PDB file of N, CA and C in Angstrom:
ATOM      1  N   MET A   1       2.664   5.716  22.581  1.00  0.00           N
ATOM      2  CA  MET A   1       3.161   6.862  21.647  1.00  0.00           C
ATOM      3  C   MET A   1       3.777   6.255  20.487  1.00  0.00           C
ATOM      4  N   GLY A   2       4.517   5.113  20.661  1.00  0.00           N
ATOM      5  CA  GLY A   2       5.325   4.446  19.535  1.00  0.00           C
ATOM      6  C   GLY A   2       4.154   3.605  18.733  1.00  0.00           C
ATOM      7  N   ALA A   3       2.986   3.207  19.223  1.00  0.00           N
ATOM      8  CA  ALA A   3       2.194   2.636  18.391  1.00  0.00           C
ATOM      9  C   ALA A   3       1.292   3.525  17.473  1.00  0.00           C
ATOM     10  N   VAL A   4       1.189   4.640  17.964  1.00  0.00           N
ATOM     11  CA  VAL A   4       0.639   5.593  17.145  1.00  0.00           C
ATOM     12  C   VAL A   4       1.464   6.179  15.932  1.00  0.00           C
ATOM     13  N   PHE A   5       2.689   6.308  16.179  1.00  0.00           N
ATOM     14  CA  PHE A   5       3.794   6.673  15.271  1.00  0.00           C
ATOM     15  C   PHE A   5       3.913   5.390  14.168  1.00  0.00           C
ATOM     16  N   LEU A   6       3.875   4.082  14.654  1.00  0.00           N
ATOM     17  CA  LEU A   6       3.802   2.989  13.578  1.00  0.00           C
ATOM     18  C   LEU A   6       2.631   3.008  12.725  1.00  0.00           C
ATOM     19  N   PHE A   7       1.351   3.279  13.455  1.00  0.00           N
ATOM     20  CA  PHE A   7       0.156   3.358  12.721  1.00  0.00           C
ATOM     21  C   PHE A   7       0.032   4.375  11.557  1.00  0.00           C
ATOM     22  N   LEU A   8       0.669   5.598  12.013  1.00  0.00           N
ATOM     23  CA  LEU A   8       0.725   6.651  10.901  1.00  0.00           C
ATOM     24  C   LEU A   8       1.793   6.390  10.012  1.00  0.00           C
ATOM     25  N   VAL A   9       2.892   5.625  10.235  1.00  0.00           N
ATOM     26  CA  VAL A   9       3.808   5.292   9.232  1.00  0.00           C
ATOM     27  C   VAL A   9       2.949   4.310   8.142  1.00  0.00           C
ATOM     28  N   GLY A  10       2.545   3.318   8.803  1.00  0.00           N
ATOM     29  CA  GLY A  10       1.839   2.436   8.098  1.00  0.00           C
ATOM     30  C   GLY A  10       0.679   2.916   6.995  1.00  0.00           C
ATOM     31  N   PHE A  11      -0.066   3.836   7.741  1.00  0.00           N
ATOM     32  CA  PHE A  11      -1.143   4.642   6.942  1.00  0.00           C
ATOM     33  C   PHE A  11      -0.597   5.480   5.754  1.00  0.00           C
ATOM     34  N   GLY A  12       0.519   6.133   6.052  1.00  0.00           N
ATOM     35  CA  GLY A  12       1.201   6.772   4.949  1.00  0.00           C
ATOM     36  C   GLY A  12       1.696   5.962   4.052  1.00  0.00           C
ATOM     37  N   LEU A  13       2.364   4.789   4.302  1.00  0.00           N
ATOM     38  CA  LEU A  13       2.817   4.073   3.192  1.00  0.00           C
ATOM     39  C   LEU A  13       1.678   3.359   2.576  1.00  0.00           C
ATOM     40  N   ALA A  14       0.473   3.101   3.089  1.00  0.00           N
ATOM     41  CA  ALA A  14      -0.571   2.422   2.422  1.00  0.00           C
ATOM     42  C   ALA A  14      -1.314   3.512   1.505  1.00  0.00           C
ATOM     43  N   ILE A  15      -1.333   4.717   1.822  1.00  0.00           N
ATOM     44  CA  ILE A  15      -1.816   5.785   0.977  1.00  0.00           C
ATOM     45  C   ILE A  15      -1.044   6.018  -0.145  1.00  0.00           C
ATOM     46  N   THR A  16       0.335   6.141   0.095  1.00  0.00           N
ATOM     47  CA  THR A  16       1.362   6.154  -0.992  1.00  0.00           C
ATOM     48  C   THR A  16       1.275   5.052  -2.070  1.00  0.00           C
ATOM     49  N   GLY A  17       1.067   3.856  -1.674  1.00  0.00           N
ATOM     50  CA  GLY A  17       0.938   2.680  -2.681  1.00  0.00           C
ATOM     51  C   GLY A  17      -0.290   2.711  -3.276  1.00  0.00           C
ATOM     52  N   GLY A  18      -1.326   3.081  -2.504  1.00  0.00           N
ATOM     53  CA  GLY A  18      -2.811   2.968  -3.153  1.00  0.00           C
ATOM     54  C   GLY A  18      -2.834   4.210  -4.175  1.00  0.00           C
ATOM     55  N   ILE A  19      -2.288   5.231  -3.950  1.00  0.00           N
ATOM     56  CA  ILE A  19      -2.199   6.467  -4.898  1.00  0.00           C
ATOM     57  C   ILE A  19      -1.399   6.029  -6.203  1.00  0.00           C
ATOM     58  N   SER A  20      -0.286   5.366  -6.016  1.00  0.00           N
ATOM     59  CA  SER A  20       0.577   4.973  -6.940  1.00  0.00           C
ATOM     60  C   SER A  20      -0.121   3.841  -7.968  1.00  0.00           C
ATOM     61  N   LEU A  21      -0.967   2.996  -7.386  1.00  0.00           N
ATOM     62  CA  LEU A  21      -1.632   2.047  -8.079  1.00  0.00           C
ATOM     63  C   LEU A  21      -2.743   2.595  -8.977  1.00  0.00           C
ATOM     64  N   ILE A  22      -3.380   3.778  -8.408  1.00  0.00           N
ATOM     65  CA  ILE A  22      -4.551   4.301  -9.039  1.00  0.00           C
ATOM     66  C   ILE A  22      -3.883   5.234 -10.147  1.00  0.00           C
ATOM     67  N   PHE A  23      -2.786   5.854  -9.883  1.00  0.00           N
ATOM     68  CA  PHE A  23      -1.886   6.606 -10.950  1.00  0.00           C
ATOM     69  C   PHE A  23      -1.630   5.785 -12.046  1.00  0.00           C
ATOM     70  N   TYR A  24      -1.125   4.753 -11.922  1.00  0.00           N
ATOM     71  CA  TYR A  24      -0.580   3.892 -13.012  1.00  0.00           C
ATOM     72  C   TYR A  24      -1.989   3.333 -13.875  1.00  0.00           C
ATOM     73  N   LEU A  25      -3.129   3.416 -13.227  1.00  0.00           N
ATOM     74  CA  LEU A  25      -4.218   2.935 -14.196  1.00  0.00           C
ATOM     75  C   LEU A  25      -4.520   3.935 -15.336  1.00  0.00           C
ATOM     76  N   ASN A  26      -3.724   5.114 -15.275  1.00  0.00           N
ATOM     77  CA  ASN A  26      -4.013   5.941 -16.321  1.00  0.00           C
ATOM     78  C   ASN A  26      -3.314   5.491 -17.597  1.00  0.00           C
ATOM     79  N   PHE A  27      -2.467   4.307 -17.610  1.00  0.00           N
ATOM     80  CA  PHE A  27      -1.802   3.655 -18.745  1.00  0.00           C
ATOM     81  C   PHE A  27      -2.794   2.775 -19.530  1.00  0.00           C
ATOM     82  N   LEU A  28      -3.956   2.442 -18.738  1.00  0.00           N
ATOM     83  CA  LEU A  28      -4.791   1.592 -19.482  1.00  0.00           C
ATOM     84  C   LEU A  28      -5.497   2.177 -20.845  1.00  0.00           C
ATOM     85  N   PRO A  29      -6.001   3.490 -20.540  1.00  0.00           N
ATOM     86  CA  PRO A  29      -6.516   4.239 -21.915  1.00  0.00           C
ATOM     87  C   PRO A  29      -5.544   4.334 -22.766  1.00  0.00           C
ATOM     88  N   ALA A  30      -4.192   4.200 -22.504  1.00  0.00           N
ATOM     89  CA  ALA A  30      -3.046   4.415 -23.614  1.00  0.00           C
ATOM     90  C   ALA A  30      -3.011   3.191 -24.421  1.00  0.00           C
ATOM     91  N   GLY A  31      -3.558   1.964 -24.072  1.00  0.00           N
ATOM     92  CA  GLY A  31      -3.385   0.837 -24.888  1.00  0.00           C
ATOM     93  C   GLY A  31      -2.933  -0.235 -24.286  1.00  0.00           C
ATOM     94  N   LEU A  32      -2.512  -0.089 -22.918  1.00  0.00           N
ATOM     95  CA  LEU A  32      -1.997  -1.257 -22.151  1.00  0.00           C
ATOM     96  C   LEU A  32      -3.145  -2.144 -21.911  1.00  0.00           C
ATOM     97  N   LEU A  33      -2.746  -3.610 -21.848  1.00  0.00           N
ATOM     98  CA  LEU A  33      -3.749  -4.519 -21.338  1.00  0.00           C
ATOM     99  C   LEU A  33      -3.574  -4.680 -19.796  1.00  0.00           C
ATOM    100  N   TRP A  34      -4.549  -5.491 -19.255  1.00  0.00           N
ATOM    101  CA  TRP A  34      -4.573  -5.535 -17.734  1.00  0.00           C
ATOM    102  C   TRP A  34      -3.408  -6.404 -17.344  1.00  0.00           C
ATOM    103  N   SER A  35      -2.819  -7.307 -18.190  1.00  0.00           N
ATOM    104  CA  SER A  35      -1.717  -8.058 -17.985  1.00  0.00           C
ATOM    105  C   SER A  35      -0.478  -7.187 -18.066  1.00  0.00           C
ATOM    106  N   ASP A  36      -0.447  -6.274 -18.881  1.00  0.00           N
ATOM    107  CA  ASP A  36       0.684  -5.485 -19.003  1.00  0.00           C
ATOM    108  C   ASP A  36       0.895  -4.515 -17.676  1.00  0.00           C
ATOM    109  N   TYR A  37      -0.440  -4.046 -17.358  1.00  0.00           N
ATOM    110  CA  TYR A  37      -0.612  -3.131 -16.276  1.00  0.00           C
ATOM    111  C   TYR A  37       0.043  -3.903 -14.871  1.00  0.00           C
ATOM    112  N   PHE A  38      -0.312  -5.166 -14.756  1.00  0.00           N
ATOM    113  CA  PHE A  38       0.041  -5.886 -13.468  1.00  0.00           C
ATOM    114  C   PHE A  38       1.625  -6.304 -13.838  1.00  0.00           C
ATOM    115  N   ALA A  39       2.129  -6.621 -14.796  1.00  0.00           N
ATOM    116  CA  ALA A  39       3.456  -6.835 -15.042  1.00  0.00           C
ATOM    117  C   ALA A  39       4.212  -5.502 -14.832  1.00  0.00           C
ATOM    118  N   PHE A  40       3.792  -4.362 -15.093  1.00  0.00           N
ATOM    119  CA  PHE A  40       4.273  -3.201 -14.739  1.00  0.00           C
ATOM    120  C   PHE A  40       4.486  -2.773 -13.240  1.00  0.00           C
ATOM    121  N   ILE A  41       3.411  -2.819 -12.636  1.00  0.00           N
ATOM    122  CA  ILE A  41       3.290  -2.550 -11.209  1.00  0.00           C
ATOM    123  C   ILE A  41       4.172  -3.533 -10.294  1.00  0.00           C
ATOM    124  N   VAL A  42       4.383  -4.663 -10.820  1.00  0.00           N
ATOM    125  CA  VAL A  42       5.259  -5.633 -10.065  1.00  0.00           C
ATOM    126  C   VAL A  42       6.601  -5.036  -9.861  1.00  0.00           C
ATOM    127  N   THR A  43       7.049  -4.301 -10.982  1.00  0.00           N
ATOM    128  CA  THR A  43       8.406  -3.811 -11.121  1.00  0.00           C
ATOM    129  C   THR A  43       8.650  -2.591 -10.289  1.00  0.00           C
ATOM    130  N   ARG A  44       7.645  -2.005  -9.767  1.00  0.00           N
ATOM    131  CA  ARG A  44       7.546  -0.671  -9.345  1.00  0.00           C
ATOM    132  C   ARG A  44       7.676  -0.637  -7.904  1.00  0.00           C
ATOM    133  N   ILE A  45       8.736  -0.278  -7.164  1.00  0.00           N
ATOM    134  CA  ILE A  45       8.756  -0.386  -5.763  1.00  0.00           C
ATOM    135  C   ILE A  45       7.653   0.302  -4.927  1.00  0.00           C
ATOM    136  N   GLU A  46       7.428   1.525  -5.326  1.00  0.00           N
ATOM    137  CA  GLU A  46       6.242   2.207  -4.601  1.00  0.00           C
ATOM    138  C   GLU A  46       4.792   1.452  -4.592  1.00  0.00           C
ATOM    139  N   CYS A  47       4.598   0.546  -5.459  1.00  0.00           N
ATOM    140  CA  CYS A  47       3.289  -0.191  -5.386  1.00  0.00           C
ATOM    141  C   CYS A  47       3.288  -1.309  -4.272  1.00  0.00           C
ATOM    142  N   TYR A  48       4.571  -1.601  -3.873  1.00  0.00           N
ATOM    143  CA  TYR A  48       4.597  -2.430  -2.735  1.00  0.00           C
ATOM    144  C   TYR A  48       4.395  -1.830  -1.293  1.00  0.00           C
ATOM    145  N   PHE A  49       4.375  -0.513  -1.563  1.00  0.00           N
ATOM    146  CA  PHE A  49       4.016   0.198  -0.246  1.00  0.00           C
ATOM    147  C   PHE A  49       2.558   0.124   0.461  1.00  0.00           C
ATOM    148  N   LEU A  50       1.601  -0.377  -0.465  1.00  0.00           N
ATOM    149  CA  LEU A  50       0.590  -0.468  -0.006  1.00  0.00           C
ATOM    150  C   LEU A  50       0.249  -1.825   0.850  1.00  0.00           C
ATOM    151  N   PRO A  51       0.801  -2.887   0.339  1.00  0.00           N
ATOM    152  CA  PRO A  51       0.608  -4.176   1.293  1.00  0.00           C
ATOM    153  C   PRO A  51       1.610  -4.023   2.561  1.00  0.00           C
ATOM    154  N   ILE A  52       2.633  -3.403   2.418  1.00  0.00           N
ATOM    155  CA  ILE A  52       3.379  -3.184   3.569  1.00  0.00           C
ATOM    156  C   ILE A  52       2.832  -2.280   4.581  1.00  0.00           C
ATOM    157  N   GLY A  53       2.297  -1.176   4.021  1.00  0.00           N
ATOM    158  CA  GLY A  53       1.480  -0.299   4.992  1.00  0.00           C
ATOM    159  C   GLY A  53       0.185  -0.956   5.682  1.00  0.00           C
ATOM    160  N   LEU A  54      -0.534  -1.740   4.937  1.00  0.00           N
ATOM    161  CA  LEU A  54      -1.630  -2.324   5.484  1.00  0.00           C
ATOM    162  C   LEU A  54      -1.148  -3.603   6.479  1.00  0.00           C
ATOM    163  N   LEU A  55       0.004  -4.227   6.257  1.00  0.00           N
ATOM    164  CA  LEU A  55       0.562  -5.121   7.250  1.00  0.00           C
ATOM    165  C   LEU A  55       0.984  -4.554   8.431  1.00  0.00           C
ATOM    166  N   ILE A  56       1.601  -3.323   8.454  1.00  0.00           N
ATOM    167  CA  ILE A  56       2.072  -2.343   9.543  1.00  0.00           C
ATOM    168  C   ILE A  56       0.851  -2.094  10.277  1.00  0.00           C
ATOM    169  N   ILE A  57      -0.252  -1.560   9.684  1.00  0.00           N
ATOM    170  CA  ILE A  57      -1.427  -1.254  10.396  1.00  0.00           C
ATOM    171  C   ILE A  57      -2.116  -2.434  11.072  1.00  0.00           C
ATOM    172  N   TRP A  58      -2.183  -3.429  10.513  1.00  0.00           N
ATOM    173  CA  TRP A  58      -2.836  -4.709  10.945  1.00  0.00           C
ATOM    174  C   TRP A  58      -1.939  -5.005  12.262  1.00  0.00           C
ATOM    175  N   LEU A  59      -0.562  -5.155  12.186  1.00  0.00           N
ATOM    176  CA  LEU A  59       0.228  -5.622  13.300  1.00  0.00           C
ATOM    177  C   LEU A  59       0.063  -4.511  14.615  1.00  0.00           C
ATOM    178  N   VAL A  60       0.010  -3.295  14.213  1.00  0.00           N
ATOM    179  CA  VAL A  60      -0.195  -2.425  15.357  1.00  0.00           C
ATOM    180  C   VAL A  60      -1.526  -2.590  15.905  1.00  0.00           C
ATOM    181  N   ILE A  61      -2.556  -2.769  15.147  1.00  0.00           N
ATOM    182  CA  ILE A  61      -3.965  -2.958  15.721  1.00  0.00           C
ATOM    183  C   ILE A  61      -3.841  -4.332  16.578  1.00  0.00           C
ATOM    184  N   TYR A  62      -3.344  -5.167  15.814  1.00  0.00           N
ATOM    185  CA  TYR A  62      -3.439  -6.623  16.611  1.00  0.00           C
ATOM    186  C   TYR A  62      -2.555  -6.695  17.722  1.00  0.00           C
ATOM    187  N   ARG A  63      -1.342  -5.984  17.672  1.00  0.00           N
ATOM    188  CA  ARG A  63      -0.367  -6.144  18.898  1.00  0.00           C
ATOM    189  C   ARG A  63      -1.003  -5.070  20.058  1.00  0.00           C
ATOM    190  N   PHE A  64      -1.429  -4.236  19.788  1.00  0.00           N
ATOM    191  CA  PHE A  64      -1.787  -3.262  20.797  1.00  0.00           C
ATOM    192  C   PHE A  64      -3.250  -2.927  21.137  1.00  0.00           C
ATOM    193  N   SER A  65      -4.102  -4.029  20.747  1.00  0.00           N
ATOM    194  CA  SER A  65      -5.434  -4.119  20.996  1.00  0.00           C
ATOM    195  C   SER A  65      -5.561  -4.448  22.543  1.00  0.00           C
ATOM    196  N   ASN A  66      -6.572  -4.123  23.211  1.00  0.00           N
ATOM    197  CA  ASN A  66      -6.616  -4.254  24.599  1.00  0.00           C
ATOM    198  C   ASN A  66      -7.597  -5.550  24.815  1.00  0.00           C
ATOM    199  N   ASN A  67      -7.300  -6.820  24.094  1.00  0.00           N
ATOM    200  CA  ASN A  67      -7.830  -8.008  24.484  1.00  0.00           C
ATOM    201  C   ASN A  67      -7.390  -8.568  25.956  1.00  0.00           C
ATOM    202  N   PRO A  68      -8.337  -9.078  26.507  1.00  0.00           N
ATOM    203  CA  PRO A  68      -7.983  -9.867  27.881  1.00  0.00           C
ATOM    204  C   PRO A  68      -7.293 -11.076  27.576  1.00  0.00           C
TER     205      PRO A  68
END
């Protein structure tokens, strides 16, 4: 049951981070360059949720897999 909870927490964090990255892509048509975009998302904490969530998902799958 704990593995399912951790998996869902990781999934939620990954979704939140991914949506934030896509949302901030709307700054590109406003005149920002790709370098400005990457410099901006590095400063936003919600953009770090994507790699943290993917790491949690990977750890849960790797740790609780039924390998002999």
